[in-house]
């Protein structure tokens, strides 16, 4: 029997899957941070944990409001979207701290190249899936779907930062040129994340207000 799953249901299922991936990253970066005293890893594990909380709370809200009427659902989803967006914006700013630690105090480990290959594969997958999902979400007036897709885009950019961190860790050493390049690229990624958060929030606020 063929299951008829609409875009909203697929988004919720993907959000559950994404939250489980977040848990894996929380464990992985917590291990790196504690075992190698890596400030970047501790910061990123905290970042992923807070994103996990946002996703979990949003999923719980969707579960709670399932029997409410559409107007009540929209009001609750809008409120959650606003609160979550502001919280994510603050989290984006907090990424500056672990990035500084990654640049000025890089850690080296003897993991080999396998973690870098795995992280690069995940990074490509995350970017591709996030862009496709975000383009589809533009047709939706559901604040929850838009929130999850925005989180995925931000997570895709953060995955590039984590890939950069992994490459630094498995590299034989941090040269001055690499340090400068890492600083510039990291700052560029932070600017992209913050700009995306602000622009998306303002644009979607107008769309949601019109739909309401």
C-alpha atoms as a PDB file:
ATOM      1  CA  UNK A   1       0.000   0.000   0.000  1.00  0.00           C
ATOM      2  CA  UNK A   2       1.380   3.389  -1.006  1.00  0.00           C
ATOM      3  CA  UNK A   3       1.585   6.009   1.733  1.00  0.00           C
ATOM      4  CA  UNK A   4       0.361   9.503   0.824  1.00  0.00           C
ATOM      5  CA  UNK A   5       2.674  11.835   2.735  1.00  0.00           C
ATOM      6  CA  UNK A   6       2.340  15.558   2.037  1.00  0.00           C
ATOM      7  CA  UNK A   7       5.060  18.200   2.206  1.00  0.00           C
ATOM      8  CA  UNK A   8       4.231  19.210   5.780  1.00  0.00           C
ATOM      9  CA  UNK A   9       4.384  15.615   7.012  1.00  0.00           C
ATOM     10  CA  UNK A  10       7.682  15.038   5.199  1.00  0.00           C
ATOM     11  CA  UNK A  11       9.076  18.187   6.800  1.00  0.00           C
ATOM     12  CA  UNK A  12       8.093  16.979  10.274  1.00  0.00           C
ATOM     13  CA  UNK A  13       9.633  13.552   9.635  1.00  0.00           C
ATOM     14  CA  UNK A  14      12.825  15.161   8.352  1.00  0.00           C
ATOM     15  CA  UNK A  15      12.895  17.414  11.426  1.00  0.00           C
ATOM     16  CA  UNK A  16      12.741  14.336  13.661  1.00  0.00           C
ATOM     17  CA  UNK A  17      15.573  12.741  11.675  1.00  0.00           C
ATOM     18  CA  UNK A  18      17.569  15.988  11.812  1.00  0.00           C
ATOM     19  CA  UNK A  19      17.091  16.197  15.593  1.00  0.00           C
ATOM     20  CA  UNK A  20      18.540  12.693  15.940  1.00  0.00           C
ATOM     21  CA  UNK A  21      21.557  13.751  13.854  1.00  0.00           C
ATOM     22  CA  UNK A  22      21.947  16.727  16.194  1.00  0.00           C
ATOM     23  CA  UNK A  23      22.144  14.311  19.118  1.00  0.00           C
ATOM     24  CA  UNK A  24      24.966  12.422  17.409  1.00  0.00           C
ATOM     25  CA  UNK A  25      26.881  15.675  16.845  1.00  0.00           C
ATOM     26  CA  UNK A  26      26.304  16.716  20.459  1.00  0.00           C
ATOM     27  CA  UNK A  27      27.900  13.475  21.661  1.00  0.00           C
ATOM     28  CA  UNK A  28      30.748  13.662  19.113  1.00  0.00           C
ATOM     29  CA  UNK A  29      31.735  17.276  19.791  1.00  0.00           C
ATOM     30  CA  UNK A  30      31.288  16.875  23.534  1.00  0.00           C
ATOM     31  CA  UNK A  31      33.803  14.039  23.349  1.00  0.00           C
ATOM     32  CA  UNK A  32      36.242  16.144  21.320  1.00  0.00           C
ATOM     33  CA  UNK A  33      35.832  19.107  23.629  1.00  0.00           C
ATOM     34  CA  UNK A  34      36.326  17.181  26.859  1.00  0.00           C
ATOM     35  CA  UNK A  35      39.002  14.768  25.630  1.00  0.00           C
ATOM     36  CA  UNK A  36      41.152  17.293  23.744  1.00  0.00           C
ATOM     37  CA  UNK A  37      40.157  20.436  25.680  1.00  0.00           C
ATOM     38  CA  UNK A  38      38.912  21.911  22.404  1.00  0.00           C
ATOM     39  CA  UNK A  39      36.990  25.150  22.954  1.00  0.00           C
ATOM     40  CA  UNK A  40      35.476  25.128  19.468  1.00  0.00           C
ATOM     41  CA  UNK A  41      34.095  21.606  19.945  1.00  0.00           C
ATOM     42  CA  UNK A  42      32.549  22.528  23.295  1.00  0.00           C
ATOM     43  CA  UNK A  43      30.970  25.626  21.779  1.00  0.00           C
ATOM     44  CA  UNK A  44      29.586  23.731  18.775  1.00  0.00           C
ATOM     45  CA  UNK A  45      28.232  20.913  20.945  1.00  0.00           C
ATOM     46  CA  UNK A  46      26.391  23.548  22.997  1.00  0.00           C
ATOM     47  CA  UNK A  47      25.122  25.179  19.798  1.00  0.00           C
ATOM     48  CA  UNK A  48      23.798  21.855  18.471  1.00  0.00           C
ATOM     49  CA  UNK A  49      22.205  21.098  21.833  1.00  0.00           C
ATOM     50  CA  UNK A  50      20.277  24.372  21.806  1.00  0.00           C
ATOM     51  CA  UNK A  51      19.188  23.802  18.194  1.00  0.00           C
ATOM     52  CA  UNK A  52      18.044  20.352  19.279  1.00  0.00           C
ATOM     53  CA  UNK A  53      15.947  21.957  22.008  1.00  0.00           C
ATOM     54  CA  UNK A  54      14.325  24.352  19.522  1.00  0.00           C
ATOM     55  CA  UNK A  55      13.445  21.483  17.180  1.00  0.00           C
ATOM     56  CA  UNK A  56      12.164  19.307  20.028  1.00  0.00           C
ATOM     57  CA  UNK A  57      10.003  22.086  21.498  1.00  0.00           C
ATOM     58  CA  UNK A  58       8.579  22.891  18.062  1.00  0.00           C
ATOM     59  CA  UNK A  59       7.767  19.229  17.428  1.00  0.00           C
ATOM     60  CA  UNK A  60       6.072  19.001  20.831  1.00  0.00           C
ATOM     61  CA  UNK A  61       4.037  22.108  20.040  1.00  0.00           C
ATOM     62  CA  UNK A  62       2.904  20.538  16.758  1.00  0.00           C
ATOM     63  CA  UNK A  63       1.861  17.470  18.705  1.00  0.00           C
ATOM     64  CA  UNK A  64      -0.082  19.495  21.271  1.00  0.00           C
ATOM     65  CA  UNK A  65      -1.981  21.692  18.810  1.00  0.00           C
ATOM     66  CA  UNK A  66      -2.955  18.888  16.434  1.00  0.00           C
ATOM     67  CA  UNK A  67      -6.661  19.034  17.424  1.00  0.00           C
ATOM     68  CA  UNK A  68      -6.979  22.832  17.518  1.00  0.00           C
ATOM     69  CA  UNK A  69      -8.654  24.865  14.801  1.00  0.00           C
ATOM     70  CA  UNK A  70      -6.528  26.376  12.019  1.00  0.00           C
ATOM     71  CA  UNK A  71      -6.617  29.948  13.375  1.00  0.00           C
ATOM     72  CA  UNK A  72      -5.400  28.810  16.802  1.00  0.00           C
ATOM     73  CA  UNK A  73      -2.686  26.700  15.176  1.00  0.00           C
ATOM     74  CA  UNK A  74      -1.486  29.666  13.139  1.00  0.00           C
ATOM     75  CA  UNK A  75      -1.332  31.942  16.205  1.00  0.00           C
ATOM     76  CA  UNK A  76       0.677  29.411  18.209  1.00  0.00           C
ATOM     77  CA  UNK A  77       2.994  28.638  15.294  1.00  0.00           C
ATOM     78  CA  UNK A  78       3.615  32.346  14.675  1.00  0.00           C
ATOM     79  CA  UNK A  79       4.485  32.922  18.320  1.00  0.00           C
ATOM     80  CA  UNK A  80       6.862  29.953  18.317  1.00  0.00           C
ATOM     81  CA  UNK A  81       8.409  31.137  15.037  1.00  0.00           C
ATOM     82  CA  UNK A  82       9.119  34.604  16.446  1.00  0.00           C
ATOM     83  CA  UNK A  83      10.581  33.351  19.722  1.00  0.00           C
ATOM     84  CA  UNK A  84      12.657  30.646  18.007  1.00  0.00           C
ATOM     85  CA  UNK A  85      13.958  33.059  15.340  1.00  0.00           C
ATOM     86  CA  UNK A  86      15.135  35.551  17.958  1.00  0.00           C
ATOM     87  CA  UNK A  87      16.781  32.769  19.952  1.00  0.00           C
ATOM     88  CA  UNK A  88      18.518  31.415  16.832  1.00  0.00           C
ATOM     89  CA  UNK A  89      19.786  34.906  15.987  1.00  0.00           C
ATOM     90  CA  UNK A  90      21.377  35.142  19.453  1.00  0.00           C
ATOM     91  CA  UNK A  91      22.892  31.682  18.942  1.00  0.00           C
ATOM     92  CA  UNK A  92      24.351  32.800  15.608  1.00  0.00           C
ATOM     93  CA  UNK A  93      26.113  35.684  17.345  1.00  0.00           C
ATOM     94  CA  UNK A  94      27.444  33.289  19.984  1.00  0.00           C
ATOM     95  CA  UNK A  95      29.170  31.274  17.237  1.00  0.00           C
ATOM     96  CA  UNK A  96      31.795  34.015  17.136  1.00  0.00           C
ATOM     97  CA  UNK A  97      33.346  32.712  20.382  1.00  0.00           C
ATOM     98  CA  UNK A  98      34.096  29.114  19.264  1.00  0.00           C
ATOM     99  CA  UNK A  99      35.337  30.394  15.900  1.00  0.00           C
ATOM    100  CA  UNK A 100      37.876  32.618  17.639  1.00  0.00           C
ATOM    101  CA  UNK A 101      39.003  29.628  19.721  1.00  0.00           C
ATOM    102  CA  UNK A 102      39.319  27.492  16.578  1.00  0.00           C
ATOM    103  CA  UNK A 103      41.599  30.070  14.951  1.00  0.00           C
ATOM    104  CA  UNK A 104      43.798  31.063  17.905  1.00  0.00           C
ATOM    105  CA  UNK A 105      43.931  27.688  19.654  1.00  0.00           C
ATOM    106  CA  UNK A 106      43.588  24.902  17.055  1.00  0.00           C
ATOM    107  CA  UNK A 107      43.781  21.291  18.210  1.00  0.00           C
ATOM    108  CA  UNK A 108      45.537  18.453  16.410  1.00  0.00           C
ATOM    109  CA  UNK A 109      44.518  14.797  16.715  1.00  0.00           C
ATOM    110  CA  UNK A 110      45.637  11.542  15.150  1.00  0.00           C
ATOM    111  CA  UNK A 111      42.256  10.537  13.735  1.00  0.00           C
ATOM    112  CA  UNK A 112      43.501  10.271  10.180  1.00  0.00           C
ATOM    113  CA  UNK A 113      41.630  11.509   7.149  1.00  0.00           C
ATOM    114  CA  UNK A 114      38.438   9.443   7.672  1.00  0.00           C
ATOM    115  CA  UNK A 115      36.645  12.042   9.878  1.00  0.00           C
ATOM    116  CA  UNK A 116      37.385  14.714   7.271  1.00  0.00           C
ATOM    117  CA  UNK A 117      35.939  12.570   4.458  1.00  0.00           C
ATOM    118  CA  UNK A 118      32.850  11.734   6.528  1.00  0.00           C
ATOM    119  CA  UNK A 119      32.318  15.394   7.452  1.00  0.00           C
ATOM    120  CA  UNK A 120      32.792  16.518   3.835  1.00  0.00           C
ATOM    121  CA  UNK A 121      30.208  13.960   2.672  1.00  0.00           C
ATOM    122  CA  UNK A 122      27.732  15.116   5.308  1.00  0.00           C
ATOM    123  CA  UNK A 123      28.415  18.763   4.439  1.00  0.00           C
ATOM    124  CA  UNK A 124      27.575  18.224   0.744  1.00  0.00           C
ATOM    125  CA  UNK A 125      24.454  16.253   1.660  1.00  0.00           C
ATOM    126  CA  UNK A 126      23.313  18.879   4.180  1.00  0.00           C
ATOM    127  CA  UNK A 127      23.782  21.782   1.778  1.00  0.00           C
ATOM    128  CA  UNK A 128      21.956  20.024  -1.068  1.00  0.00           C
ATOM    129  CA  UNK A 129      18.986  18.877   1.019  1.00  0.00           C
ATOM    130  CA  UNK A 130      18.684  22.229   2.797  1.00  0.00           C
ATOM    131  CA  UNK A 131      18.620  24.295  -0.402  1.00  0.00           C
ATOM    132  CA  UNK A 132      16.052  22.020  -2.054  1.00  0.00           C
ATOM    133  CA  UNK A 133      13.863  22.032   1.065  1.00  0.00           C
ATOM    134  CA  UNK A 134      14.109  25.795   1.511  1.00  0.00           C
ATOM    135  CA  UNK A 135      13.044  26.472  -2.079  1.00  0.00           C
ATOM    136  CA  UNK A 136       9.990  24.266  -1.602  1.00  0.00           C
ATOM    137  CA  UNK A 137       9.123  25.925   1.730  1.00  0.00           C
ATOM    138  CA  UNK A 138       8.684  29.288  -0.021  1.00  0.00           C
ATOM    139  CA  UNK A 139       5.296  28.029  -1.171  1.00  0.00           C
ATOM    140  CA  UNK A 140       4.202  27.313   2.408  1.00  0.00           C
ATOM    141  CA  UNK A 141       2.446  29.681   4.819  1.00  0.00           C
ATOM    142  CA  UNK A 142       3.095  27.323   7.733  1.00  0.00           C
ATOM    143  CA  UNK A 143       5.525  29.029  10.172  1.00  0.00           C
ATOM    144  CA  UNK A 144       6.683  25.660  11.520  1.00  0.00           C
ATOM    145  CA  UNK A 145       7.743  24.410   8.088  1.00  0.00           C
ATOM    146  CA  UNK A 146       9.519  27.683   7.352  1.00  0.00           C
ATOM    147  CA  UNK A 147      11.275  27.557  10.736  1.00  0.00           C
ATOM    148  CA  UNK A 148      12.588  24.033  10.160  1.00  0.00           C
ATOM    149  CA  UNK A 149      13.807  24.911   6.671  1.00  0.00           C
ATOM    150  CA  UNK A 150      15.581  28.035   7.933  1.00  0.00           C
ATOM    151  CA  UNK A 151      17.257  25.997  10.677  1.00  0.00           C
ATOM    152  CA  UNK A 152      18.404  23.530   8.005  1.00  0.00           C
ATOM    153  CA  UNK A 153      19.978  26.305   5.922  1.00  0.00           C
ATOM    154  CA  UNK A 154      21.799  27.680   8.967  1.00  0.00           C
ATOM    155  CA  UNK A 155      22.858  24.151   9.915  1.00  0.00           C
ATOM    156  CA  UNK A 156      24.265  23.655   6.411  1.00  0.00           C
ATOM    157  CA  UNK A 157      26.492  26.724   6.767  1.00  0.00           C
ATOM    158  CA  UNK A 158      27.565  25.605  10.250  1.00  0.00           C
ATOM    159  CA  UNK A 159      28.476  22.215   8.772  1.00  0.00           C
ATOM    160  CA  UNK A 160      31.021  24.028   6.581  1.00  0.00           C
ATOM    161  CA  UNK A 161      32.531  25.500   9.739  1.00  0.00           C
ATOM    162  CA  UNK A 162      32.683  22.075  11.356  1.00  0.00           C
ATOM    163  CA  UNK A 163      34.322  20.671   8.218  1.00  0.00           C
ATOM    164  CA  UNK A 164      36.911  23.430   8.417  1.00  0.00           C
ATOM    165  CA  UNK A 165      37.484  22.559  12.074  1.00  0.00           C
ATOM    166  CA  UNK A 166      37.894  18.867  11.213  1.00  0.00           C
ATOM    167  CA  UNK A 167      40.430  19.641   8.490  1.00  0.00           C
ATOM    168  CA  UNK A 168      42.422  21.767  10.932  1.00  0.00           C
ATOM    169  CA  UNK A 169      42.373  18.996  13.541  1.00  0.00           C
ATOM    170  CA  UNK A 170      43.638  16.281  11.182  1.00  0.00           C
ATOM    171  CA  UNK A 171      46.161  18.588   9.503  1.00  0.00           C
ATOM    172  CA  UNK A 172      49.793  18.333  10.585  1.00  0.00           C
ATOM    173  CA  UNK A 173      49.896  21.932  11.706  1.00  0.00           C
ATOM    174  CA  UNK A 174      48.306  25.391  11.535  1.00  0.00           C
ATOM    175  CA  UNK A 175      50.392  27.782   9.439  1.00  0.00           C
ATOM    176  CA  UNK A 176      49.978  31.554   9.557  1.00  0.00           C
ATOM    177  CA  UNK A 177      48.424  31.533   6.085  1.00  0.00           C
ATOM    178  CA  UNK A 178      45.940  28.847   7.121  1.00  0.00           C
ATOM    179  CA  UNK A 179      45.123  30.800  10.284  1.00  0.00           C
ATOM    180  CA  UNK A 180      44.390  33.930   8.265  1.00  0.00           C
ATOM    181  CA  UNK A 181      42.307  32.010   5.728  1.00  0.00           C
ATOM    182  CA  UNK A 182      40.347  30.274   8.497  1.00  0.00           C
ATOM    183  CA  UNK A 183      39.604  33.605  10.147  1.00  0.00           C
ATOM    184  CA  UNK A 184      38.384  35.238   6.938  1.00  0.00           C
ATOM    185  CA  UNK A 185      36.224  32.306   5.841  1.00  0.00           C
ATOM    186  CA  UNK A 186      34.742  31.884   9.331  1.00  0.00           C
ATOM    187  CA  UNK A 187      33.826  35.573   9.550  1.00  0.00           C
ATOM    188  CA  UNK A 188      32.273  35.348   6.074  1.00  0.00           C
ATOM    189  CA  UNK A 189      30.158  32.363   7.126  1.00  0.00           C
ATOM    190  CA  UNK A 190      28.985  34.144  10.279  1.00  0.00           C
ATOM    191  CA  UNK A 191      27.968  37.190   8.222  1.00  0.00           C
ATOM    192  CA  UNK A 192      26.042  34.906   5.836  1.00  0.00           C
ATOM    193  CA  UNK A 193      24.229  33.170   8.712  1.00  0.00           C
ATOM    194  CA  UNK A 194      23.295  36.392  10.502  1.00  0.00           C
ATOM    195  CA  UNK A 195      22.222  38.131   7.290  1.00  0.00           C
ATOM    196  CA  UNK A 196      20.119  35.134   6.276  1.00  0.00           C
ATOM    197  CA  UNK A 197      18.438  35.026   9.700  1.00  0.00           C
ATOM    198  CA  UNK A 198      17.530  38.723   9.610  1.00  0.00           C
ATOM    199  CA  UNK A 199      16.356  38.808   5.977  1.00  0.00           C
ATOM    200  CA  UNK A 200      14.300  35.611   6.294  1.00  0.00           C
ATOM    201  CA  UNK A 201      12.657  36.749   9.508  1.00  0.00           C
ATOM    202  CA  UNK A 202      11.618  40.134   8.110  1.00  0.00           C
ATOM    203  CA  UNK A 203      10.388  38.662   4.809  1.00  0.00           C
ATOM    204  CA  UNK A 204       8.417  35.851   6.435  1.00  0.00           C
ATOM    205  CA  UNK A 205       6.878  38.168   9.014  1.00  0.00           C
ATOM    206  CA  UNK A 206       5.265  40.110   6.174  1.00  0.00           C
ATOM    207  CA  UNK A 207       4.070  36.920   4.457  1.00  0.00           C
ATOM    208  CA  UNK A 208       2.612  35.475   7.665  1.00  0.00           C
ATOM    209  CA  UNK A 209       0.859  38.732   8.505  1.00  0.00           C
ATOM    210  CA  UNK A 210      -0.720  38.786   5.061  1.00  0.00           C
ATOM    211  CA  UNK A 211      -1.815  35.152   5.410  1.00  0.00           C
ATOM    212  CA  UNK A 212      -3.293  35.898   8.821  1.00  0.00           C
END
